[in-house]
């Protein structure tokens, strides 16, 4: 009995300790309005970047995400009704994912925990879950914000399932990667996925106006340089504010307004958001391929240049371009593949950057060529028929008979040598006897396939006459 009482006392002391820690954290919560002014003071001492000072405090203050933050949207209603569901915020860097999570934490009145999946593991999650259980016993709810949640592996993601299921925590995960590929289906089924947009020019301009209002002066930029500054941010609001902050700090008032050239010297250009292994890579590949298929050489060159600027291997592009020649040009222009292979070989001989011009030339040739996927479609249909018909034997009349026994079995009987016929065409059936004659290849009336179409129609007519 004594041991049982001791265990109970230990458990009570542990709960009290955790609750005390929680109350201490709550009192220091950076979202308490009384402490908001201290952020400005800290910033004045150089402890806080401008992007943090200007971080929106309400959903209505967020720029560029009206589809989520305006009244009557799902997110707005969650805040208004005080009924926050677990969310996954998916969007590019600097579009407002962390800001939205902090606003939701403040508006919901929940205890707020924040971790990054880059630096945390299951052990850290267990501590947070334990604290959340103690809060739940005392009537308080916990909002957990996980930045870069896609960095957790599948088994780590599974750790969230029981605490989401029983309501111990409400989860907000932020990711720059497609959740469909990076998060397991069990976790996704328990969360709403909200997609945030890359900030457009209008949203970036609003941010610059906000920076100027806070600073009490206009950015010392010529009109063209102001546009360049926004382009350098590449849709990232946080990065734009950082650039503007640098402009104010480094501006020499005696030299007047900053033009494009001076801006380039003043600031480093940001590398394009492109990762050869993530979804952005496949998005750009898809855009390139569809531009070629859509006979738009200008768009094809643009996406080609975007990928090269992002650091893509030109050999990868050479392979993809050659594939396009087979898939989308086909026999509408039989020379297309030869152009691609020649460009590929030229690149291998010249290397970069001269070799890229050969690939660009092949790309323009493909985009300008007549299009046909007739062979591609015929090939897929033939594969399907082969899978369905199994091991049907060829008809006996087209089989060779190298032995007497095979001759006795009828191999080669009735075969007509096409070159001995008046038209050079016998019209015989070359499919298995048990199979109806299909038509896989249907050429289009474009490019070289127009001639093929006429030829096949002529042979079909002869075949019908023979029957």
Protein backbone atom coordinates (compact mmCIF):
# COMPACT_ATOMS: atom_id res chain seq x y z
CA UNK A 1 0.00 0.00 0.00
CA UNK A 2 2.88 2.33 0.91
CA UNK A 3 4.49 1.78 -2.54
CA UNK A 4 1.26 2.61 -4.33
CA UNK A 5 0.88 5.86 -2.36
CA UNK A 6 4.51 6.78 -3.16
CA UNK A 7 3.90 6.23 -6.87
CA UNK A 8 0.82 8.41 -6.73
CA UNK A 9 2.73 11.19 -4.97
CA UNK A 10 5.51 11.01 -7.57
CA UNK A 11 2.98 11.20 -10.42
CA UNK A 12 1.23 14.18 -8.78
CA UNK A 13 4.55 15.98 -8.29
CA UNK A 14 5.45 15.31 -11.95
CA UNK A 15 2.11 16.72 -13.15
CA UNK A 16 2.54 19.77 -10.92
CA UNK A 17 6.04 20.33 -12.25
CA UNK A 18 4.88 20.13 -15.86
CA UNK A 19 1.95 22.44 -15.14
CA UNK A 20 4.26 24.96 -13.47
CA UNK A 21 6.55 24.87 -16.51
CA UNK A 22 3.57 25.41 -18.79
CA UNK A 23 2.30 28.41 -16.77
CA UNK A 24 5.77 29.91 -16.83
CA UNK A 25 5.95 29.50 -20.60
CA UNK A 26 2.46 30.93 -20.95
CA UNK A 27 3.40 34.04 -19.01
CA UNK A 28 6.34 34.57 -21.36
CA UNK A 29 4.31 33.85 -24.50
CA UNK A 30 5.50 36.21 -27.24
CA UNK A 31 1.89 36.51 -28.39
CA UNK A 32 0.66 38.21 -25.21
CA UNK A 33 -0.38 41.69 -26.35
CA UNK A 34 1.25 43.40 -23.39
CA UNK A 35 4.59 42.17 -24.65
CA UNK A 36 4.12 43.23 -28.27
CA UNK A 37 5.73 46.60 -27.61
CA UNK A 38 8.85 44.93 -26.23
CA UNK A 39 9.44 43.48 -29.67
CA UNK A 40 9.78 46.99 -31.06
CA UNK A 41 12.23 47.91 -28.29
CA UNK A 42 14.31 44.82 -28.92
CA UNK A 43 14.31 45.62 -32.63
CA UNK A 44 15.56 49.11 -31.90
CA UNK A 45 18.54 47.50 -30.22
CA UNK A 46 19.24 45.43 -33.32
CA UNK A 47 17.89 42.21 -31.84
CA UNK A 48 15.03 41.71 -34.30
CA UNK A 49 15.02 41.92 -38.09
CA UNK A 50 12.57 44.20 -39.83
CA UNK A 51 10.61 41.26 -41.24
CA UNK A 52 9.86 40.12 -37.68
CA UNK A 53 8.82 43.61 -36.57
CA UNK A 54 6.41 43.91 -39.49
CA UNK A 55 4.98 40.41 -39.13
CA UNK A 56 1.16 40.68 -39.46
CA UNK A 57 -0.87 40.42 -36.25
CA UNK A 58 -4.23 39.46 -37.81
CA UNK A 59 -5.39 37.46 -40.82
CA UNK A 60 -6.58 40.66 -42.44
CA UNK A 61 -3.04 42.06 -42.35
CA UNK A 62 -1.61 39.24 -44.47
CA UNK A 63 -0.87 40.12 -48.08
CA UNK A 64 -1.27 37.89 -51.12
CA UNK A 65 -3.37 35.12 -49.53
CA UNK A 66 -6.90 36.50 -49.88
CA UNK A 67 -8.21 33.06 -50.82
CA UNK A 68 -7.46 32.00 -47.23
CA UNK A 69 -7.61 35.17 -45.14
CA UNK A 70 -10.58 37.21 -46.33
CA UNK A 71 -13.94 36.90 -44.51
CA UNK A 72 -16.04 33.81 -45.21
CA UNK A 73 -13.04 31.67 -46.16
CA UNK A 74 -12.44 28.37 -44.35
CA UNK A 75 -9.55 29.74 -42.30
CA UNK A 76 -11.44 32.88 -41.32
CA UNK A 77 -14.44 30.85 -40.17
CA UNK A 78 -12.24 28.58 -38.07
CA UNK A 79 -10.92 31.62 -36.19
CA UNK A 80 -14.35 33.25 -35.96
CA UNK A 81 -15.98 30.09 -34.59
CA UNK A 82 -13.06 29.24 -32.32
CA UNK A 83 -12.99 25.76 -33.82
CA UNK A 84 -9.50 25.25 -35.20
CA UNK A 85 -8.74 22.01 -37.07
CA UNK A 86 -5.33 20.51 -37.70
CA UNK A 87 -3.82 22.03 -40.83
CA UNK A 88 -0.98 21.59 -43.27
CA UNK A 89 0.10 24.90 -44.81
CA UNK A 90 1.76 24.27 -48.16
CA UNK A 91 3.51 27.05 -50.00
CA UNK A 92 6.84 28.56 -51.08
CA UNK A 93 9.20 30.34 -48.66
CA UNK A 94 8.16 33.75 -47.39
CA UNK A 95 4.47 33.47 -48.24
CA UNK A 96 3.12 33.60 -44.64
CA UNK A 97 2.98 30.04 -43.30
CA UNK A 98 4.61 30.77 -39.94
CA UNK A 99 2.70 34.04 -39.60
CA UNK A 100 -0.64 32.30 -40.09
CA UNK A 101 0.29 29.67 -37.48
CA UNK A 102 1.16 32.36 -34.90
CA UNK A 103 -2.02 34.32 -35.59
CA UNK A 104 -4.11 31.18 -35.20
CA UNK A 105 -2.37 30.41 -31.91
CA UNK A 106 -3.11 33.87 -30.55
CA UNK A 107 -6.69 33.98 -31.80
CA UNK A 108 -7.50 30.49 -30.55
CA UNK A 109 -6.14 31.10 -27.06
CA UNK A 110 -4.30 27.79 -27.13
CA UNK A 111 -0.92 27.14 -25.59
CA UNK A 112 1.60 27.45 -28.40
CA UNK A 113 4.53 25.13 -29.10
CA UNK A 114 6.82 25.51 -32.08
CA UNK A 115 9.50 23.16 -33.40
CA UNK A 116 11.39 22.62 -36.61
CA UNK A 117 11.51 19.13 -38.10
CA UNK A 118 15.08 19.85 -39.16
CA UNK A 119 16.33 19.98 -35.56
CA UNK A 120 13.78 17.80 -33.76
CA UNK A 121 13.03 14.12 -33.41
CA UNK A 122 10.56 11.76 -31.74
CA UNK A 123 12.07 12.42 -28.30
CA UNK A 124 11.24 16.13 -28.63
CA UNK A 125 7.73 15.31 -29.78
CA UNK A 126 7.15 13.04 -26.78
CA UNK A 127 8.06 15.87 -24.39
CA UNK A 128 5.63 18.20 -26.13
CA UNK A 129 2.89 15.57 -26.12
CA UNK A 130 3.42 14.93 -22.42
CA UNK A 131 3.11 18.65 -21.64
CA UNK A 132 -0.01 18.82 -23.83
CA UNK A 133 -1.63 15.97 -21.89
CA UNK A 134 -1.05 17.80 -18.62
CA UNK A 135 -2.60 20.95 -20.07
CA UNK A 136 -5.55 18.94 -21.36
CA UNK A 137 -6.15 17.58 -17.84
CA UNK A 138 -6.39 21.17 -16.66
CA UNK A 139 -8.72 22.25 -19.46
CA UNK A 140 -6.12 23.89 -21.73
CA UNK A 141 -5.52 23.00 -25.35
CA UNK A 142 -2.21 22.93 -27.21
CA UNK A 143 -1.40 24.14 -30.70
CA UNK A 144 1.80 22.62 -32.11
CA UNK A 145 3.42 24.32 -35.09
CA UNK A 146 5.92 22.13 -36.96
CA UNK A 147 8.02 23.96 -39.50
CA UNK A 148 9.37 21.94 -42.44
CA UNK A 149 7.15 19.03 -41.40
CA UNK A 150 8.07 17.16 -44.58
CA UNK A 151 11.54 16.63 -43.08
CA UNK A 152 10.06 14.08 -40.65
CA UNK A 153 10.26 10.56 -42.04
CA UNK A 154 7.20 8.33 -42.28
CA UNK A 155 7.66 6.68 -38.87
CA UNK A 156 8.17 10.07 -37.18
CA UNK A 157 4.99 11.31 -38.83
CA UNK A 158 3.15 8.33 -37.36
CA UNK A 159 3.95 9.65 -33.87
CA UNK A 160 1.36 12.41 -34.42
CA UNK A 161 -1.51 10.05 -35.12
CA UNK A 162 -2.60 9.08 -31.56
CA UNK A 163 -2.40 12.63 -30.17
CA UNK A 164 -4.34 14.00 -33.13
CA UNK A 165 -6.87 11.21 -32.80
CA UNK A 166 -7.61 11.90 -29.12
CA UNK A 167 -7.38 15.70 -29.43
CA UNK A 168 -4.30 16.11 -27.24
CA UNK A 169 -2.87 18.57 -29.75
CA UNK A 170 -3.99 20.58 -32.74
CA UNK A 171 -1.29 20.41 -35.39
CA UNK A 172 -0.25 23.04 -37.90
CA UNK A 173 2.46 21.80 -40.22
CA UNK A 174 4.28 24.03 -42.70
CA UNK A 175 5.91 22.64 -45.81
CA UNK A 176 7.36 23.86 -49.07
CA UNK A 177 6.96 20.38 -50.58
CA UNK A 178 3.87 18.73 -52.03
CA UNK A 179 2.15 17.05 -49.03
CA UNK A 180 0.77 14.33 -51.30
CA UNK A 181 4.31 13.08 -51.85
CA UNK A 182 6.01 13.97 -48.55
CA UNK A 183 3.39 13.23 -45.85
CA UNK A 184 1.86 9.85 -45.24
CA UNK A 185 -1.80 9.33 -46.00
CA UNK A 186 -2.76 8.61 -42.37
CA UNK A 187 -1.48 12.02 -41.26
CA UNK A 188 -3.01 13.82 -44.25
CA UNK A 189 -6.40 12.25 -43.53
CA UNK A 190 -6.40 14.01 -40.14
CA UNK A 191 -5.48 17.46 -41.49
CA UNK A 192 -6.85 20.06 -43.87
CA UNK A 193 -4.31 21.02 -46.53
CA UNK A 194 -4.29 24.74 -47.35
CA UNK A 195 -2.21 25.93 -50.29
CA UNK A 196 -0.53 29.34 -50.02
CA UNK A 197 0.49 31.26 -53.13
CA UNK A 198 3.77 32.81 -54.12
CA UNK A 199 3.39 36.54 -53.50
CA UNK A 200 2.55 38.39 -56.70
CA UNK A 201 3.75 41.85 -57.71
CA UNK A 202 0.78 43.59 -56.07
CA UNK A 203 1.37 41.87 -52.72
CA UNK A 204 5.09 42.64 -52.86
CA UNK A 205 4.32 46.30 -53.58
CA UNK A 206 2.03 46.44 -50.55
CA UNK A 207 4.87 45.06 -48.44
CA UNK A 208 7.24 47.73 -49.71
CA UNK A 209 4.69 50.43 -48.85
CA UNK A 210 4.45 48.95 -45.35
CA UNK A 211 8.25 49.02 -45.02
CA UNK A 212 8.30 52.67 -46.13
CA UNK A 213 5.53 53.61 -43.68
CA UNK A 214 7.41 51.97 -40.83
CA UNK A 215 10.69 53.63 -41.82
CA UNK A 216 9.11 57.02 -42.35
CA UNK A 217 10.70 57.47 -45.77
CA UNK A 218 10.39 56.19 -49.32
CA UNK A 219 12.84 53.66 -50.67
CA UNK A 220 15.54 55.58 -52.57
CA UNK A 221 14.97 53.64 -55.77
CA UNK A 222 14.22 54.66 -59.32
CA UNK A 223 10.99 53.19 -60.71
CA UNK A 224 12.77 50.50 -62.73
CA UNK A 225 14.99 49.58 -59.78
CA UNK A 226 11.92 49.21 -57.56
CA UNK A 227 10.55 46.64 -60.01
CA UNK A 228 13.92 44.89 -60.06
CA UNK A 229 13.94 44.72 -56.26
CA UNK A 230 10.59 42.92 -56.32
CA UNK A 231 11.82 40.57 -59.03
CA UNK A 232 14.90 39.76 -56.93
CA UNK A 233 12.63 38.67 -54.07
CA UNK A 234 11.08 36.02 -56.35
CA UNK A 235 7.73 35.97 -54.53
CA UNK A 236 9.27 35.77 -51.02
CA UNK A 237 7.88 38.51 -48.78
CA UNK A 238 10.35 37.97 -45.96
CA UNK A 239 13.25 38.17 -48.39
CA UNK A 240 11.87 41.35 -49.96
CA UNK A 241 11.70 43.09 -46.58
CA UNK A 242 15.29 42.01 -45.93
CA UNK A 243 16.37 43.48 -49.27
CA UNK A 244 14.57 46.74 -48.53
CA UNK A 245 16.25 46.86 -45.13
CA UNK A 246 19.65 46.49 -46.82
CA UNK A 247 18.83 49.31 -49.25
CA UNK A 248 18.06 51.69 -46.37
CA UNK A 249 21.22 50.71 -44.50
CA UNK A 250 23.60 50.96 -47.47
CA UNK A 251 22.15 53.95 -49.27
CA UNK A 252 24.47 56.91 -49.71
CA UNK A 253 22.10 59.87 -49.73
CA UNK A 254 24.66 62.06 -51.49
CA UNK A 255 24.51 59.87 -54.61
CA UNK A 256 20.77 60.32 -55.17
CA UNK A 257 18.28 57.60 -56.15
CA UNK A 258 19.54 54.08 -56.84
CA UNK A 259 19.21 52.85 -60.43
CA UNK A 260 19.20 49.27 -61.71
CA UNK A 261 22.95 49.06 -62.11
CA UNK A 262 23.66 50.44 -58.66
CA UNK A 263 21.05 48.12 -57.13
CA UNK A 264 22.80 45.11 -58.66
CA UNK A 265 26.07 46.19 -57.07
CA UNK A 266 24.37 46.90 -53.76
CA UNK A 267 22.48 43.61 -53.41
CA UNK A 268 23.21 40.04 -54.31
CA UNK A 269 20.76 38.46 -56.72
CA UNK A 270 18.89 35.58 -55.20
CA UNK A 271 19.31 32.15 -56.78
CA UNK A 272 16.07 30.89 -58.39
CA UNK A 273 13.94 28.61 -56.24
CA UNK A 274 14.75 25.33 -57.92
CA UNK A 275 15.79 21.96 -56.54
CA UNK A 276 16.70 19.24 -59.00
CA UNK A 277 15.12 16.61 -56.74
CA UNK A 278 11.89 18.23 -55.56
CA UNK A 279 8.48 18.98 -57.00
CA UNK A 280 9.61 22.28 -58.54
CA UNK A 281 11.92 20.31 -60.80
CA UNK A 282 9.10 18.19 -62.15
CA UNK A 283 6.82 21.22 -62.51
CA UNK A 284 9.33 22.93 -64.78
CA UNK A 285 9.98 19.74 -66.76
CA UNK A 286 6.23 19.44 -67.28
CA UNK A 287 5.99 23.09 -68.38
CA UNK A 288 8.86 22.60 -70.85
CA UNK A 289 7.35 19.45 -72.33
CA UNK A 290 3.86 20.94 -72.68
CA UNK A 291 5.24 24.10 -74.31
CA UNK A 292 6.91 21.94 -76.97
CA UNK A 293 3.78 19.86 -77.41
CA UNK A 294 1.77 23.08 -77.71
CA UNK A 295 4.06 24.36 -80.52
CA UNK A 296 5.21 27.40 -78.53
CA UNK A 297 8.98 27.82 -79.10
CA UNK A 298 9.13 31.00 -77.01
CA UNK A 299 7.61 29.36 -73.92
CA UNK A 300 9.80 26.30 -74.49
CA UNK A 301 12.93 28.47 -74.51
CA UNK A 302 11.76 30.26 -71.36
CA UNK A 303 11.33 27.07 -69.32
CA UNK A 304 14.55 25.69 -70.77
CA UNK A 305 16.38 28.82 -69.58
CA UNK A 306 14.67 28.67 -66.17
CA UNK A 307 15.94 25.14 -65.63
CA UNK A 308 19.46 25.98 -66.75
CA UNK A 309 19.50 29.04 -64.47
CA UNK A 310 18.39 26.80 -61.62
CA UNK A 311 21.42 24.56 -62.15
CA UNK A 312 19.83 21.71 -64.11
CA UNK A 313 22.21 19.29 -65.83
CA UNK A 314 22.02 19.97 -69.61
CA UNK A 315 22.41 16.21 -70.19
CA UNK A 316 19.12 15.63 -68.40
CA UNK A 317 17.51 18.20 -70.68
CA UNK A 318 19.07 16.53 -73.74
CA UNK A 319 17.45 13.23 -72.73
CA UNK A 320 14.07 14.88 -72.15
CA UNK A 321 14.19 16.74 -75.46
CA UNK A 322 14.98 13.51 -77.31
CA UNK A 323 12.06 11.83 -75.59
CA UNK A 324 9.76 14.65 -76.75
CA UNK A 325 10.83 14.00 -80.35
CA UNK A 326 9.64 10.42 -80.08
CA UNK A 327 6.53 11.04 -78.02
CA UNK A 328 5.09 14.20 -79.54
CA UNK A 329 6.64 14.61 -82.99
CA UNK A 330 6.99 11.00 -84.06
CA UNK A 331 6.72 10.29 -87.76
CA UNK A 332 5.12 13.66 -88.45
CA UNK A 333 8.78 14.70 -88.81
CA UNK A 334 11.17 11.71 -88.81
CA UNK A 335 14.14 14.10 -88.75
CA UNK A 336 13.25 15.39 -85.27
CA UNK A 337 15.02 12.59 -83.41
CA UNK A 338 18.11 13.03 -85.58
CA UNK A 339 18.19 16.74 -84.69
CA UNK A 340 17.96 15.92 -81.00
CA UNK A 341 20.72 13.30 -81.12
CA UNK A 342 22.92 15.66 -83.10
CA UNK A 343 22.35 18.44 -80.53
CA UNK A 344 23.09 16.04 -77.69
CA UNK A 345 26.36 14.99 -79.34
CA UNK A 346 27.24 18.64 -79.99
CA UNK A 347 26.76 19.43 -76.33
CA UNK A 348 29.02 16.51 -75.33
CA UNK A 349 31.73 17.82 -77.68
CA UNK A 350 31.48 21.52 -76.79
CA UNK A 351 30.33 21.39 -73.16
CA UNK A 352 28.89 24.41 -71.38
CA UNK A 353 27.98 27.10 -72.13
CA UNK A 354 28.36 26.76 -75.93
CA UNK A 355 26.70 23.34 -76.06
CA UNK A 356 23.42 24.65 -74.63
CA UNK A 357 22.81 26.56 -77.87
CA UNK A 358 22.63 23.26 -79.77
CA UNK A 359 20.02 21.99 -77.30
CA UNK A 360 18.08 25.24 -77.65
CA UNK A 361 18.12 24.81 -81.43
CA UNK A 362 16.76 21.28 -81.16
CA UNK A 363 14.09 22.53 -78.75
CA UNK A 364 12.92 25.22 -81.18
CA UNK A 365 12.92 22.66 -84.01
CA UNK A 366 10.63 20.36 -81.97
CA UNK A 367 8.29 23.17 -80.95
CA UNK A 368 8.03 24.29 -84.59
CA UNK A 369 7.60 20.79 -86.06
CA UNK A 370 4.27 19.15 -86.97
CA UNK A 371 3.03 17.07 -84.05
CA UNK A 372 1.86 13.48 -83.82
CA UNK A 373 1.64 11.01 -80.98
CA UNK A 374 0.26 8.32 -83.29
CA UNK A 375 3.26 5.99 -82.88
CA UNK A 376 3.32 6.61 -79.11
CA UNK A 377 -0.38 5.74 -78.84
CA UNK A 378 0.00 2.75 -81.16
CA UNK A 379 2.87 1.41 -79.07
CA UNK A 380 0.84 1.64 -75.84
CA UNK A 381 -2.14 -0.06 -77.51
CA UNK A 382 0.11 -2.85 -78.85
CA UNK A 383 1.57 -3.41 -75.37
CA UNK A 384 -1.93 -3.71 -73.94
CA UNK A 385 -2.99 -6.18 -76.66
CA UNK A 386 0.15 -8.26 -76.11
CA UNK A 387 -0.62 -8.48 -72.38
CA UNK A 388 -4.20 -9.52 -73.06
CA UNK A 389 -3.52 -12.15 -75.74
CA UNK A 390 -0.78 -14.04 -73.92
CA UNK A 391 1.01 -16.73 -75.93
CA UNK A 392 -0.98 -16.91 -79.16
CA UNK A 393 1.08 -18.43 -81.96
CA UNK A 394 1.73 -16.55 -85.22
CA UNK A 395 -0.30 -17.86 -88.18
CA UNK A 396 1.35 -20.92 -89.74
CA UNK A 397 1.74 -19.37 -93.20
CA UNK A 398 4.33 -16.82 -91.96
CA UNK A 399 6.41 -19.36 -90.04
CA UNK A 400 9.63 -20.73 -91.50
CA UNK A 401 9.88 -24.51 -91.97
CA UNK A 402 13.57 -25.49 -91.65
CA UNK A 403 12.70 -29.17 -90.93
CA UNK A 404 10.58 -31.78 -92.70
CA UNK A 405 8.40 -32.23 -89.63
CA UNK A 406 7.59 -28.51 -89.58
CA UNK A 407 6.68 -28.63 -93.29
CA UNK A 408 4.35 -31.55 -92.51
CA UNK A 409 2.67 -29.43 -89.86
CA UNK A 410 1.89 -26.73 -92.42
CA UNK A 411 4.55 -24.21 -91.52
CA UNK A 412 4.96 -21.77 -94.43
CA UNK A 413 1.98 -23.14 -96.40
CA UNK A 414 0.29 -20.42 -98.40
CA UNK A 415 2.84 -17.71 -97.72
CA UNK A 416 3.02 -15.13 -100.50
CA UNK A 417 6.28 -13.29 -101.12
CA UNK A 418 5.18 -9.65 -101.29
CA UNK A 419 7.83 -8.63 -103.82
CA UNK A 420 6.41 -11.13 -106.32
CA UNK A 421 2.98 -9.45 -106.35
CA UNK A 422 2.01 -6.71 -108.86
CA UNK A 423 1.70 -4.05 -106.16
CA UNK A 424 4.49 -5.31 -103.90
CA UNK A 425 1.76 -6.04 -101.36
CA UNK A 426 0.21 -9.43 -100.65
CA UNK A 427 -2.47 -8.27 -98.15
CA UNK A 428 -2.00 -11.39 -96.00
CA UNK A 429 -2.95 -11.45 -92.32
CA UNK A 430 0.01 -11.44 -89.96
CA UNK A 431 -1.92 -11.60 -86.67
CA UNK A 432 -2.68 -14.86 -84.77
CA UNK A 433 -5.56 -16.84 -86.23
CA UNK A 434 -7.54 -16.47 -82.97
CA UNK A 435 -7.29 -12.68 -82.99
CA UNK A 436 -9.40 -10.11 -84.81
CA UNK A 437 -7.28 -7.69 -86.81
CA UNK A 438 -6.84 -4.48 -84.74
CA UNK A 439 -5.53 -1.08 -85.83
CA UNK A 440 -3.02 0.41 -83.43
CA UNK A 441 -1.33 3.01 -85.60
CA UNK A 442 -3.57 5.79 -86.88
CA UNK A 443 -1.37 8.47 -88.50
CA UNK A 444 -2.45 12.09 -88.44
CA UNK A 445 -2.84 14.28 -91.50
CA UNK A 446 0.16 16.44 -90.55
CA UNK A 447 3.72 16.55 -91.76
CA UNK A 448 5.26 13.37 -93.14
CA UNK A 449 2.49 11.26 -91.60
CA UNK A 450 0.11 12.68 -94.18
CA UNK A 451 1.99 10.62 -96.80
CA UNK A 452 2.01 7.58 -94.50
CA UNK A 453 -1.75 7.96 -94.02
CA UNK A 454 -2.31 7.85 -97.79
CA UNK A 455 -0.05 4.82 -98.16
CA UNK A 456 -1.82 2.86 -95.41
CA UNK A 457 -5.23 3.74 -96.86
CA UNK A 458 -4.09 2.40 -100.24
CA UNK A 459 -2.90 -0.88 -98.72
CA UNK A 460 -6.14 -1.21 -96.72
CA UNK A 461 -8.07 -0.86 -99.97
CA UNK A 462 -6.01 -3.62 -101.60
CA UNK A 463 -6.47 -5.84 -98.56
CA UNK A 464 -10.26 -5.34 -98.67
CA UNK A 465 -10.36 -6.16 -102.39
CA UNK A 466 -8.41 -9.38 -101.75
CA UNK A 467 -10.93 -10.40 -99.12
